[in-house]
């Protein structure tokens, strides 16, 4: 097997040239906080096929700078392609906390098509993390004419529909807001 590491702008992954093995599946590994890159280095060292998508972000939010950092697109996660028999080998890598599990506590298998699509096409797009919006979640509108108003997400398709309530008169309105214009609030 020949190993090679490819790095393209927003993305970094290791691949092994080999025949397709139906026993090798994609799994998500939950890492210690801010240990994704170090865990990926350990996977490199051990020859474990993995995928750690990265994106560029300004180094400091307080001081505008031209310096950029490469940060994990999915903080806390590294994806590995392995057979179930190698589970203990992966779990013993420094920085790994556990595998992401599905119902019943079995490791969640990620769709191979989705993972391969991300690996091959992510570098062609500008990607950055975005909070998932869920109906019932409190949010604050960040920009525009309604900036600063707080409400609750009622629908998330296309643009988010946010219900804004004027408590003083016990009346509500629903407005369409772009997902990027919302700040998710803690409950």
N, C-alpha and C. Protein backbone atom coordinates (compact mmCIF):
# COMPACT_ATOMS: atom_id res chain seq x y z
N UNK A 1 0.83 -1.18 0.00
CA UNK A 1 0.00 0.00 0.00
C UNK A 1 0.88 1.24 0.00
N UNK A 2 0.55 2.20 -0.83
CA UNK A 2 1.27 3.45 -0.88
C UNK A 2 0.43 4.51 -0.19
N UNK A 3 1.02 5.19 0.79
CA UNK A 3 0.30 6.25 1.47
C UNK A 3 0.70 7.58 0.86
N UNK A 4 -0.25 8.49 0.82
CA UNK A 4 0.08 9.84 0.43
C UNK A 4 -0.86 10.78 1.17
N UNK A 5 -0.39 11.98 1.41
CA UNK A 5 -1.21 13.00 2.06
C UNK A 5 -1.40 14.12 1.07
N UNK A 6 -2.64 14.53 0.89
CA UNK A 6 -2.94 15.64 -0.02
C UNK A 6 -3.45 16.81 0.80
N UNK A 7 -3.05 18.00 0.45
CA UNK A 7 -3.54 19.20 1.13
C UNK A 7 -3.95 20.19 0.05
N UNK A 8 -5.20 20.54 0.07
CA UNK A 8 -5.73 21.51 -0.88
C UNK A 8 -6.42 22.58 -0.07
N UNK A 9 -6.01 23.79 -0.18
CA UNK A 9 -6.67 24.93 0.45
C UNK A 9 -7.41 24.65 1.73
N UNK A 10 -8.66 24.24 1.62
CA UNK A 10 -9.54 24.12 2.79
C UNK A 10 -9.55 22.72 3.37
N UNK A 11 -8.78 21.79 2.84
CA UNK A 11 -9.02 20.42 3.22
C UNK A 11 -7.74 19.62 3.32
N UNK A 12 -7.76 18.68 4.21
CA UNK A 12 -6.59 17.84 4.41
C UNK A 12 -7.07 16.43 4.67
N UNK A 13 -6.49 15.45 4.00
CA UNK A 13 -6.87 14.07 4.27
C UNK A 13 -5.76 13.14 3.87
N UNK A 14 -5.81 11.95 4.43
CA UNK A 14 -4.86 10.93 4.04
C UNK A 14 -5.64 9.86 3.30
N UNK A 15 -5.03 9.28 2.32
CA UNK A 15 -5.68 8.25 1.55
C UNK A 15 -4.70 7.11 1.34
N UNK A 16 -5.19 5.92 1.18
CA UNK A 16 -4.34 4.79 0.86
C UNK A 16 -4.83 4.20 -0.45
N UNK A 17 -3.91 3.97 -1.38
CA UNK A 17 -4.28 3.34 -2.64
C UNK A 17 -4.45 1.86 -2.38
N UNK A 18 -5.64 1.38 -2.58
CA UNK A 18 -5.89 -0.04 -2.39
C UNK A 18 -7.21 -0.40 -3.06
N UNK A 19 -7.49 -1.67 -3.15
CA UNK A 19 -8.74 -2.10 -3.74
C UNK A 19 -9.88 -1.75 -2.80
N UNK A 20 -11.06 -1.57 -3.34
CA UNK A 20 -12.21 -1.26 -2.50
C UNK A 20 -12.51 -2.43 -1.59
N UNK A 21 -12.65 -2.16 -0.32
CA UNK A 21 -12.92 -3.19 0.68
C UNK A 21 -14.28 -2.90 1.29
N UNK A 22 -15.28 -3.72 1.03
CA UNK A 22 -16.62 -3.46 1.55
C UNK A 22 -16.68 -3.53 3.08
N UNK A 23 -15.67 -4.11 3.70
CA UNK A 23 -15.63 -4.20 5.15
C UNK A 23 -15.16 -2.89 5.78
N UNK A 24 -14.50 -2.04 4.98
CA UNK A 24 -14.01 -0.77 5.51
C UNK A 24 -15.09 0.29 5.31
N UNK A 25 -15.52 0.87 6.42
CA UNK A 25 -16.60 1.84 6.42
C UNK A 25 -16.13 3.14 7.08
N UNK A 26 -16.88 4.21 6.85
CA UNK A 26 -16.57 5.50 7.45
C UNK A 26 -17.26 5.64 8.80
N UNK A 27 -16.51 6.12 9.80
CA UNK A 27 -17.04 6.37 11.13
C UNK A 27 -16.56 7.75 11.58
N UNK A 28 -17.33 8.37 12.48
CA UNK A 28 -16.93 9.65 13.07
C UNK A 28 -16.33 9.37 14.44
N UNK A 29 -15.19 9.99 14.68
CA UNK A 29 -14.48 9.86 15.95
C UNK A 29 -14.59 11.18 16.68
N UNK A 30 -14.99 11.13 17.94
CA UNK A 30 -15.07 12.33 18.77
C UNK A 30 -13.73 12.49 19.48
N UNK A 31 -13.11 13.67 19.35
CA UNK A 31 -11.78 13.90 19.90
C UNK A 31 -11.85 14.80 21.14
N UNK A 32 -10.74 14.86 21.83
CA UNK A 32 -10.62 15.82 22.93
C UNK A 32 -10.74 17.22 22.31
N UNK A 33 -11.24 18.20 23.10
CA UNK A 33 -11.37 19.56 22.55
C UNK A 33 -10.05 20.08 22.01
N UNK A 34 -10.11 20.64 20.80
CA UNK A 34 -8.97 21.23 20.10
C UNK A 34 -7.81 20.26 19.88
N UNK A 35 -8.12 18.97 19.71
CA UNK A 35 -7.09 17.96 19.44
C UNK A 35 -7.29 17.27 18.09
N UNK A 36 -8.11 17.85 17.23
CA UNK A 36 -8.41 17.21 15.95
C UNK A 36 -7.15 17.04 15.10
N UNK A 37 -6.34 18.09 14.96
CA UNK A 37 -5.15 18.01 14.12
C UNK A 37 -4.13 17.04 14.69
N UNK A 38 -3.94 17.07 16.00
CA UNK A 38 -2.99 16.17 16.64
C UNK A 38 -3.45 14.72 16.48
N UNK A 39 -4.75 14.48 16.63
CA UNK A 39 -5.29 13.13 16.46
C UNK A 39 -5.08 12.67 15.02
N UNK A 40 -5.30 13.57 14.05
CA UNK A 40 -5.07 13.23 12.65
C UNK A 40 -3.60 12.89 12.41
N UNK A 41 -2.69 13.59 13.08
CA UNK A 41 -1.26 13.26 12.95
C UNK A 41 -0.98 11.85 13.47
N UNK A 42 -1.61 11.49 14.57
CA UNK A 42 -1.43 10.14 15.11
C UNK A 42 -2.00 9.09 14.15
N UNK A 43 -3.13 9.42 13.51
CA UNK A 43 -3.69 8.49 12.51
C UNK A 43 -2.71 8.33 11.35
N UNK A 44 -2.08 9.45 10.93
CA UNK A 44 -1.06 9.39 9.87
C UNK A 44 0.05 8.43 10.28
N UNK A 45 0.54 8.62 11.48
CA UNK A 45 1.66 7.82 11.99
C UNK A 45 1.30 6.34 12.02
N UNK A 46 0.07 6.02 12.40
CA UNK A 46 -0.35 4.62 12.51
C UNK A 46 -0.86 4.05 11.18
N UNK A 47 -0.94 4.89 10.14
CA UNK A 47 -1.40 4.42 8.84
C UNK A 47 -2.90 4.19 8.77
N UNK A 48 -3.66 4.89 9.59
CA UNK A 48 -5.13 4.76 9.60
C UNK A 48 -5.71 5.81 8.66
N UNK A 49 -6.49 5.36 7.69
CA UNK A 49 -7.09 6.28 6.73
C UNK A 49 -8.08 7.18 7.44
N UNK A 50 -7.97 8.48 7.21
CA UNK A 50 -8.83 9.44 7.90
C UNK A 50 -9.08 10.66 7.03
N UNK A 51 -10.00 11.51 7.51
CA UNK A 51 -10.38 12.72 6.80
C UNK A 51 -10.63 13.81 7.85
N UNK A 52 -9.90 14.89 7.76
CA UNK A 52 -10.07 16.04 8.64
C UNK A 52 -10.23 17.29 7.77
N UNK A 53 -11.48 17.66 7.46
CA UNK A 53 -11.67 18.87 6.65
C UNK A 53 -11.35 20.11 7.47
N UNK A 54 -10.61 21.03 6.85
CA UNK A 54 -10.20 22.27 7.51
C UNK A 54 -10.68 23.46 6.69
N UNK A 55 -10.81 24.61 7.36
CA UNK A 55 -11.15 25.85 6.67
C UNK A 55 -10.25 26.95 7.20
N UNK A 56 -10.17 28.05 6.47
CA UNK A 56 -9.36 29.18 6.89
C UNK A 56 -10.22 30.18 7.65
N UNK A 57 -9.69 30.68 8.78
CA UNK A 57 -10.38 31.69 9.58
C UNK A 57 -9.34 32.70 10.06
N UNK A 58 -9.76 33.96 10.28
CA UNK A 58 -8.82 34.95 10.82
C UNK A 58 -8.26 34.46 12.15
N UNK A 59 -6.98 34.76 12.40
CA UNK A 59 -6.31 34.29 13.61
C UNK A 59 -6.95 34.83 14.88
N UNK A 60 -7.33 36.09 14.89
CA UNK A 60 -7.91 36.70 16.08
C UNK A 60 -9.14 37.49 15.71
N UNK A 61 -10.18 37.31 16.47
CA UNK A 61 -11.40 38.06 16.20
C UNK A 61 -11.31 39.47 16.80
N UNK A 62 -10.45 39.66 17.81
CA UNK A 62 -10.34 40.96 18.47
C UNK A 62 -9.56 41.94 17.61
N UNK A 63 -8.45 41.48 17.04
CA UNK A 63 -7.62 42.35 16.20
C UNK A 63 -7.70 41.87 14.76
N UNK A 64 -8.24 42.69 13.86
CA UNK A 64 -8.27 42.27 12.46
C UNK A 64 -6.85 42.03 11.96
N UNK A 65 -6.68 40.93 11.25
CA UNK A 65 -5.36 40.55 10.79
C UNK A 65 -5.48 39.82 9.47
N UNK A 66 -4.40 39.84 8.71
CA UNK A 66 -4.38 39.10 7.46
C UNK A 66 -3.94 37.66 7.68
N UNK A 67 -3.45 37.37 8.90
CA UNK A 67 -3.02 36.00 9.21
C UNK A 67 -4.25 35.11 9.33
N UNK A 68 -4.12 33.92 8.80
CA UNK A 68 -5.24 32.98 8.81
C UNK A 68 -4.82 31.70 9.52
N UNK A 69 -5.77 31.09 10.19
CA UNK A 69 -5.57 29.79 10.84
C UNK A 69 -6.36 28.75 10.08
N UNK A 70 -5.86 27.53 10.09
CA UNK A 70 -6.62 26.41 9.53
C UNK A 70 -7.29 25.71 10.69
N UNK A 71 -8.62 25.74 10.71
CA UNK A 71 -9.39 25.16 11.80
C UNK A 71 -10.27 24.02 11.29
N UNK A 72 -10.62 23.09 12.16
CA UNK A 72 -11.50 21.98 11.75
C UNK A 72 -12.88 22.49 11.35
N UNK A 73 -13.38 22.00 10.24
CA UNK A 73 -14.71 22.36 9.78
C UNK A 73 -15.78 21.79 10.70
N UNK A 74 -15.50 20.63 11.28
CA UNK A 74 -16.40 20.00 12.24
C UNK A 74 -15.63 19.88 13.55
N UNK A 75 -15.67 20.93 14.41
CA UNK A 75 -14.87 20.90 15.64
C UNK A 75 -15.19 19.67 16.49
N UNK A 76 -14.13 19.00 16.93
CA UNK A 76 -14.28 17.85 17.80
C UNK A 76 -14.38 16.52 17.08
N UNK A 77 -14.30 16.52 15.74
CA UNK A 77 -14.50 15.28 15.00
C UNK A 77 -13.40 15.05 13.97
N UNK A 78 -13.02 13.80 13.81
CA UNK A 78 -12.17 13.32 12.73
C UNK A 78 -12.89 12.09 12.18
N UNK A 79 -12.88 11.92 10.87
CA UNK A 79 -13.55 10.79 10.25
C UNK A 79 -12.51 9.73 9.89
N UNK A 80 -12.82 8.47 10.16
CA UNK A 80 -11.89 7.38 9.84
C UNK A 80 -12.60 6.34 8.99
N UNK A 81 -11.82 5.72 8.10
CA UNK A 81 -12.32 4.62 7.28
C UNK A 81 -11.61 3.37 7.75
N UNK A 82 -12.38 2.43 8.27
CA UNK A 82 -11.78 1.24 8.87
C UNK A 82 -12.79 0.09 8.89
N UNK A 83 -12.28 -1.08 9.16
CA UNK A 83 -13.17 -2.21 9.39
C UNK A 83 -13.49 -2.23 10.88
N UNK A 84 -14.60 -2.82 11.23
CA UNK A 84 -15.01 -2.87 12.64
C UNK A 84 -13.97 -3.58 13.50
N UNK A 85 -13.20 -4.48 12.90
CA UNK A 85 -12.19 -5.23 13.64
C UNK A 85 -11.08 -4.32 14.17
N UNK A 86 -10.92 -3.14 13.58
CA UNK A 86 -9.85 -2.22 13.98
C UNK A 86 -10.34 -1.14 14.95
N UNK A 87 -11.53 -1.33 15.50
CA UNK A 87 -12.11 -0.34 16.41
C UNK A 87 -11.19 -0.04 17.59
N UNK A 88 -10.65 -1.07 18.23
CA UNK A 88 -9.81 -0.86 19.42
C UNK A 88 -8.52 -0.12 19.04
N UNK A 89 -7.98 -0.39 17.86
CA UNK A 89 -6.76 0.31 17.42
C UNK A 89 -7.03 1.81 17.28
N UNK A 90 -8.20 2.17 16.73
CA UNK A 90 -8.56 3.58 16.56
C UNK A 90 -8.84 4.22 17.92
N UNK A 91 -9.53 3.53 18.80
CA UNK A 91 -9.87 4.09 20.11
C UNK A 91 -8.64 4.30 21.00
N UNK A 92 -7.54 3.62 20.70
CA UNK A 92 -6.32 3.76 21.49
C UNK A 92 -5.40 4.87 20.98
N UNK A 93 -5.80 5.57 19.94
CA UNK A 93 -5.00 6.68 19.42
C UNK A 93 -5.13 7.87 20.38
N UNK A 94 -4.01 8.50 20.75
CA UNK A 94 -4.08 9.67 21.63
C UNK A 94 -5.00 10.75 21.07
N UNK A 95 -5.84 11.31 21.93
CA UNK A 95 -6.77 12.35 21.53
C UNK A 95 -8.17 11.85 21.22
N UNK A 96 -8.33 10.55 20.98
CA UNK A 96 -9.64 9.99 20.68
C UNK A 96 -10.40 9.77 21.99
N UNK A 97 -11.62 10.28 22.06
CA UNK A 97 -12.45 10.04 23.23
C UNK A 97 -13.37 8.84 23.02
N UNK A 98 -14.05 8.83 21.87
CA UNK A 98 -14.97 7.74 21.58
C UNK A 98 -15.43 7.83 20.13
N UNK A 99 -16.10 6.78 19.69
CA UNK A 99 -16.73 6.80 18.37
C UNK A 99 -18.15 7.34 18.53
N UNK A 100 -18.62 8.04 17.52
CA UNK A 100 -20.00 8.49 17.52
C UNK A 100 -20.87 7.27 17.32
N UNK A 101 -21.89 7.13 18.16
CA UNK A 101 -22.73 5.93 18.12
C UNK A 101 -24.15 6.26 17.68
N UNK A 102 -24.81 5.23 17.16
CA UNK A 102 -26.21 5.31 16.77
C UNK A 102 -27.04 4.70 17.90
N UNK A 103 -28.31 4.51 17.65
CA UNK A 103 -29.19 3.90 18.64
C UNK A 103 -28.64 2.52 19.03
N UNK A 104 -28.70 2.21 20.29
CA UNK A 104 -28.21 0.93 20.75
C UNK A 104 -26.73 0.92 21.07
N UNK A 105 -26.07 2.07 20.93
CA UNK A 105 -24.67 2.17 21.28
C UNK A 105 -23.70 1.60 20.26
N UNK A 106 -24.19 1.23 19.07
CA UNK A 106 -23.29 0.71 18.04
C UNK A 106 -22.69 1.90 17.27
N UNK A 107 -21.43 1.79 16.83
CA UNK A 107 -20.82 2.89 16.07
C UNK A 107 -21.65 3.27 14.84
N UNK A 108 -21.88 4.56 14.69
CA UNK A 108 -22.68 5.07 13.56
C UNK A 108 -21.85 5.02 12.29
N UNK A 109 -22.37 4.37 11.27
CA UNK A 109 -21.71 4.28 9.97
C UNK A 109 -22.14 5.48 9.14
N UNK A 110 -21.15 6.19 8.59
CA UNK A 110 -21.43 7.34 7.74
C UNK A 110 -21.55 6.88 6.30
N UNK A 111 -22.46 7.47 5.52
CA UNK A 111 -22.60 7.07 4.12
C UNK A 111 -21.31 7.30 3.33
N UNK A 112 -20.81 6.26 2.70
CA UNK A 112 -19.57 6.35 1.91
C UNK A 112 -19.70 7.39 0.81
N UNK A 113 -20.85 7.47 0.17
CA UNK A 113 -21.06 8.44 -0.91
C UNK A 113 -20.88 9.86 -0.37
N UNK A 114 -21.45 10.16 0.79
CA UNK A 114 -21.33 11.50 1.36
C UNK A 114 -19.87 11.82 1.71
N UNK A 115 -19.18 10.87 2.31
CA UNK A 115 -17.80 11.11 2.71
C UNK A 115 -16.89 11.30 1.49
N UNK A 116 -17.07 10.47 0.48
CA UNK A 116 -16.25 10.60 -0.72
C UNK A 116 -16.56 11.89 -1.47
N UNK A 117 -17.81 12.31 -1.46
CA UNK A 117 -18.18 13.58 -2.09
C UNK A 117 -17.53 14.74 -1.36
N UNK A 118 -17.57 14.73 -0.04
CA UNK A 118 -16.90 15.78 0.74
C UNK A 118 -15.40 15.80 0.47
N UNK A 119 -14.79 14.63 0.48
CA UNK A 119 -13.35 14.54 0.28
C UNK A 119 -12.93 15.06 -1.09
N UNK A 120 -13.71 14.75 -2.11
CA UNK A 120 -13.31 15.13 -3.47
C UNK A 120 -13.75 16.53 -3.87
N UNK A 121 -14.79 17.08 -3.24
CA UNK A 121 -15.32 18.35 -3.72
C UNK A 121 -15.27 19.51 -2.77
N UNK A 122 -14.94 19.28 -1.51
CA UNK A 122 -14.96 20.35 -0.53
C UNK A 122 -13.96 21.46 -0.85
N UNK A 123 -12.82 21.10 -1.40
CA UNK A 123 -11.80 22.10 -1.71
C UNK A 123 -12.24 23.07 -2.81
N UNK A 124 -13.29 22.75 -3.54
CA UNK A 124 -13.77 23.61 -4.61
C UNK A 124 -14.72 24.70 -4.11
N UNK A 125 -15.15 24.58 -2.88
CA UNK A 125 -16.11 25.52 -2.30
C UNK A 125 -15.52 26.18 -1.07
N UNK A 126 -16.00 27.37 -0.77
CA UNK A 126 -15.63 28.04 0.48
C UNK A 126 -16.58 27.50 1.54
N UNK A 127 -16.06 26.73 2.46
CA UNK A 127 -16.88 26.14 3.51
C UNK A 127 -16.44 26.67 4.86
N UNK A 128 -17.39 26.86 5.74
CA UNK A 128 -17.11 27.24 7.11
C UNK A 128 -18.23 26.70 8.00
N UNK A 129 -17.95 26.51 9.28
CA UNK A 129 -18.98 25.95 10.17
C UNK A 129 -20.18 26.89 10.28
N UNK A 130 -21.31 26.32 10.51
CA UNK A 130 -22.53 27.09 10.71
C UNK A 130 -23.39 26.34 11.72
N UNK A 131 -23.94 27.05 12.69
CA UNK A 131 -24.76 26.33 13.67
C UNK A 131 -26.00 25.75 13.03
N UNK A 132 -26.37 24.57 13.44
CA UNK A 132 -27.59 23.94 12.95
C UNK A 132 -28.78 24.63 13.60
N UNK A 133 -29.74 24.98 12.79
CA UNK A 133 -30.95 25.60 13.32
C UNK A 133 -32.03 24.53 13.48
N UNK A 134 -32.69 24.58 14.60
CA UNK A 134 -33.73 23.60 14.91
C UNK A 134 -34.99 24.38 15.29
N UNK A 135 -36.14 23.92 14.83
CA UNK A 135 -37.40 24.56 15.19
C UNK A 135 -37.52 24.59 16.72
N UNK A 136 -37.90 25.75 17.25
CA UNK A 136 -38.03 25.92 18.69
C UNK A 136 -36.81 26.54 19.33
N UNK A 137 -35.74 26.75 18.55
CA UNK A 137 -34.49 27.28 19.07
C UNK A 137 -34.55 28.81 19.15
N UNK A 138 -34.09 29.39 20.29
CA UNK A 138 -34.07 30.86 20.39
C UNK A 138 -32.91 31.44 19.58
N UNK A 139 -33.16 32.53 18.87
CA UNK A 139 -32.15 33.18 18.04
C UNK A 139 -32.25 34.69 18.16
N UNK A 140 -31.17 35.37 17.74
CA UNK A 140 -31.17 36.83 17.66
C UNK A 140 -30.80 37.19 16.23
N UNK A 141 -31.50 38.13 15.64
CA UNK A 141 -31.19 38.60 14.30
C UNK A 141 -29.98 39.51 14.40
N UNK A 142 -28.93 39.22 13.60
CA UNK A 142 -27.65 39.93 13.70
C UNK A 142 -27.56 41.17 12.84
N UNK A 143 -28.18 41.17 11.66
CA UNK A 143 -28.03 42.29 10.73
C UNK A 143 -29.38 42.65 10.12
N UNK A 144 -29.42 43.84 9.52
CA UNK A 144 -30.62 44.26 8.81
C UNK A 144 -31.52 45.12 9.67
N UNK A 145 -32.72 45.39 9.16
CA UNK A 145 -33.66 46.28 9.82
C UNK A 145 -34.13 45.74 11.18
N UNK A 146 -34.10 44.44 11.36
CA UNK A 146 -34.57 43.85 12.62
C UNK A 146 -33.42 43.41 13.53
N UNK A 147 -32.21 43.90 13.27
CA UNK A 147 -31.04 43.52 14.05
C UNK A 147 -31.28 43.74 15.54
N UNK A 148 -30.91 42.74 16.34
CA UNK A 148 -31.06 42.82 17.79
C UNK A 148 -32.32 42.18 18.32
N UNK A 149 -33.31 41.98 17.44
CA UNK A 149 -34.55 41.36 17.90
C UNK A 149 -34.32 39.87 18.13
N UNK A 150 -34.98 39.33 19.15
CA UNK A 150 -34.86 37.92 19.48
C UNK A 150 -36.18 37.23 19.22
N UNK A 151 -36.09 35.97 18.82
CA UNK A 151 -37.29 35.20 18.55
C UNK A 151 -36.99 33.72 18.61
N UNK A 152 -37.91 32.93 18.08
CA UNK A 152 -37.80 31.48 18.09
C UNK A 152 -37.96 30.97 16.66
N UNK A 153 -37.08 30.06 16.26
CA UNK A 153 -37.15 29.48 14.91
C UNK A 153 -38.41 28.61 14.83
N UNK A 154 -39.22 28.83 13.79
CA UNK A 154 -40.41 27.99 13.61
C UNK A 154 -40.27 27.05 12.42
N UNK A 155 -39.38 27.41 11.47
CA UNK A 155 -39.14 26.58 10.29
C UNK A 155 -37.74 26.85 9.80
N UNK A 156 -37.07 25.84 9.23
CA UNK A 156 -35.69 26.04 8.80
C UNK A 156 -35.46 25.80 7.31
N UNK A 157 -36.45 25.48 6.53
CA UNK A 157 -36.26 25.25 5.10
C UNK A 157 -35.91 26.56 4.40
N UNK A 158 -35.04 26.49 3.39
CA UNK A 158 -34.56 27.67 2.66
C UNK A 158 -34.11 28.74 3.64
N UNK A 159 -34.87 29.80 3.80
CA UNK A 159 -34.60 30.78 4.85
C UNK A 159 -35.31 30.31 6.11
N UNK A 160 -34.83 30.76 7.25
CA UNK A 160 -35.47 30.40 8.51
C UNK A 160 -36.67 31.30 8.73
N UNK A 161 -37.73 30.73 9.22
CA UNK A 161 -38.88 31.54 9.64
C UNK A 161 -38.73 31.71 11.14
N UNK A 162 -38.64 32.97 11.56
CA UNK A 162 -38.44 33.29 12.97
C UNK A 162 -39.68 34.01 13.48
N UNK A 163 -40.18 33.54 14.62
CA UNK A 163 -41.33 34.18 15.25
C UNK A 163 -40.81 35.17 16.28
N UNK A 164 -41.15 36.45 16.08
CA UNK A 164 -40.76 37.52 17.00
C UNK A 164 -41.99 37.89 17.82
N UNK A 165 -41.84 37.95 19.12
CA UNK A 165 -42.97 38.25 20.01
C UNK A 165 -42.74 39.57 20.72
N UNK A 166 -43.74 40.43 20.67
CA UNK A 166 -43.73 41.67 21.44
C UNK A 166 -44.49 41.36 22.72
N UNK A 167 -43.74 41.07 23.78
CA UNK A 167 -44.35 40.62 25.03
C UNK A 167 -45.31 41.63 25.63
N UNK A 168 -45.02 42.93 25.48
CA UNK A 168 -45.86 43.96 26.08
C UNK A 168 -47.30 43.90 25.59
N UNK A 169 -47.48 43.48 24.33
CA UNK A 169 -48.85 43.43 23.80
C UNK A 169 -49.28 42.00 23.49
N UNK A 170 -48.44 41.03 23.85
CA UNK A 170 -48.74 39.61 23.62
C UNK A 170 -49.12 39.32 22.17
N UNK A 171 -48.32 39.86 21.26
CA UNK A 171 -48.54 39.63 19.84
C UNK A 171 -47.23 39.15 19.21
N UNK A 172 -47.37 38.33 18.16
CA UNK A 172 -46.19 37.78 17.48
C UNK A 172 -46.30 38.00 15.98
N UNK A 173 -45.16 38.05 15.34
CA UNK A 173 -45.09 38.08 13.89
C UNK A 173 -44.06 37.04 13.45
N UNK A 174 -44.20 36.55 12.24
CA UNK A 174 -43.23 35.61 11.68
C UNK A 174 -42.53 36.30 10.51
N UNK A 175 -41.19 36.21 10.50
CA UNK A 175 -40.42 36.83 9.43
C UNK A 175 -39.45 35.81 8.85
N UNK A 176 -39.14 35.97 7.56
CA UNK A 176 -38.15 35.12 6.89
C UNK A 176 -36.79 35.77 7.06
N UNK A 177 -35.81 34.99 7.52
CA UNK A 177 -34.47 35.51 7.75
C UNK A 177 -33.47 34.50 7.21
N UNK A 178 -32.43 35.00 6.55
CA UNK A 178 -31.37 34.13 6.06
C UNK A 178 -30.66 33.49 7.26
N UNK A 179 -30.32 32.21 7.14
CA UNK A 179 -29.66 31.49 8.23
C UNK A 179 -28.40 32.20 8.70
N UNK A 180 -27.64 32.78 7.78
CA UNK A 180 -26.37 33.42 8.13
C UNK A 180 -26.57 34.68 8.95
N UNK A 181 -27.79 35.23 8.96
CA UNK A 181 -28.07 36.46 9.69
C UNK A 181 -28.55 36.20 11.11
N UNK A 182 -28.53 34.94 11.55
CA UNK A 182 -29.03 34.59 12.87
C UNK A 182 -27.91 34.15 13.80
N UNK A 183 -28.04 34.53 15.05
CA UNK A 183 -27.14 34.10 16.11
C UNK A 183 -27.93 33.19 17.03
N UNK A 184 -27.48 31.96 17.20
CA UNK A 184 -28.17 31.01 18.07
C UNK A 184 -27.91 31.40 19.52
N UNK A 185 -28.97 31.50 20.32
CA UNK A 185 -28.84 31.85 21.73
C UNK A 185 -28.88 30.59 22.59
N UNK A 186 -28.21 30.67 23.74
CA UNK A 186 -28.26 29.57 24.70
C UNK A 186 -29.64 29.55 25.35
N UNK A 187 -30.12 28.38 25.65
CA UNK A 187 -31.45 28.25 26.27
C UNK A 187 -31.47 28.85 27.64
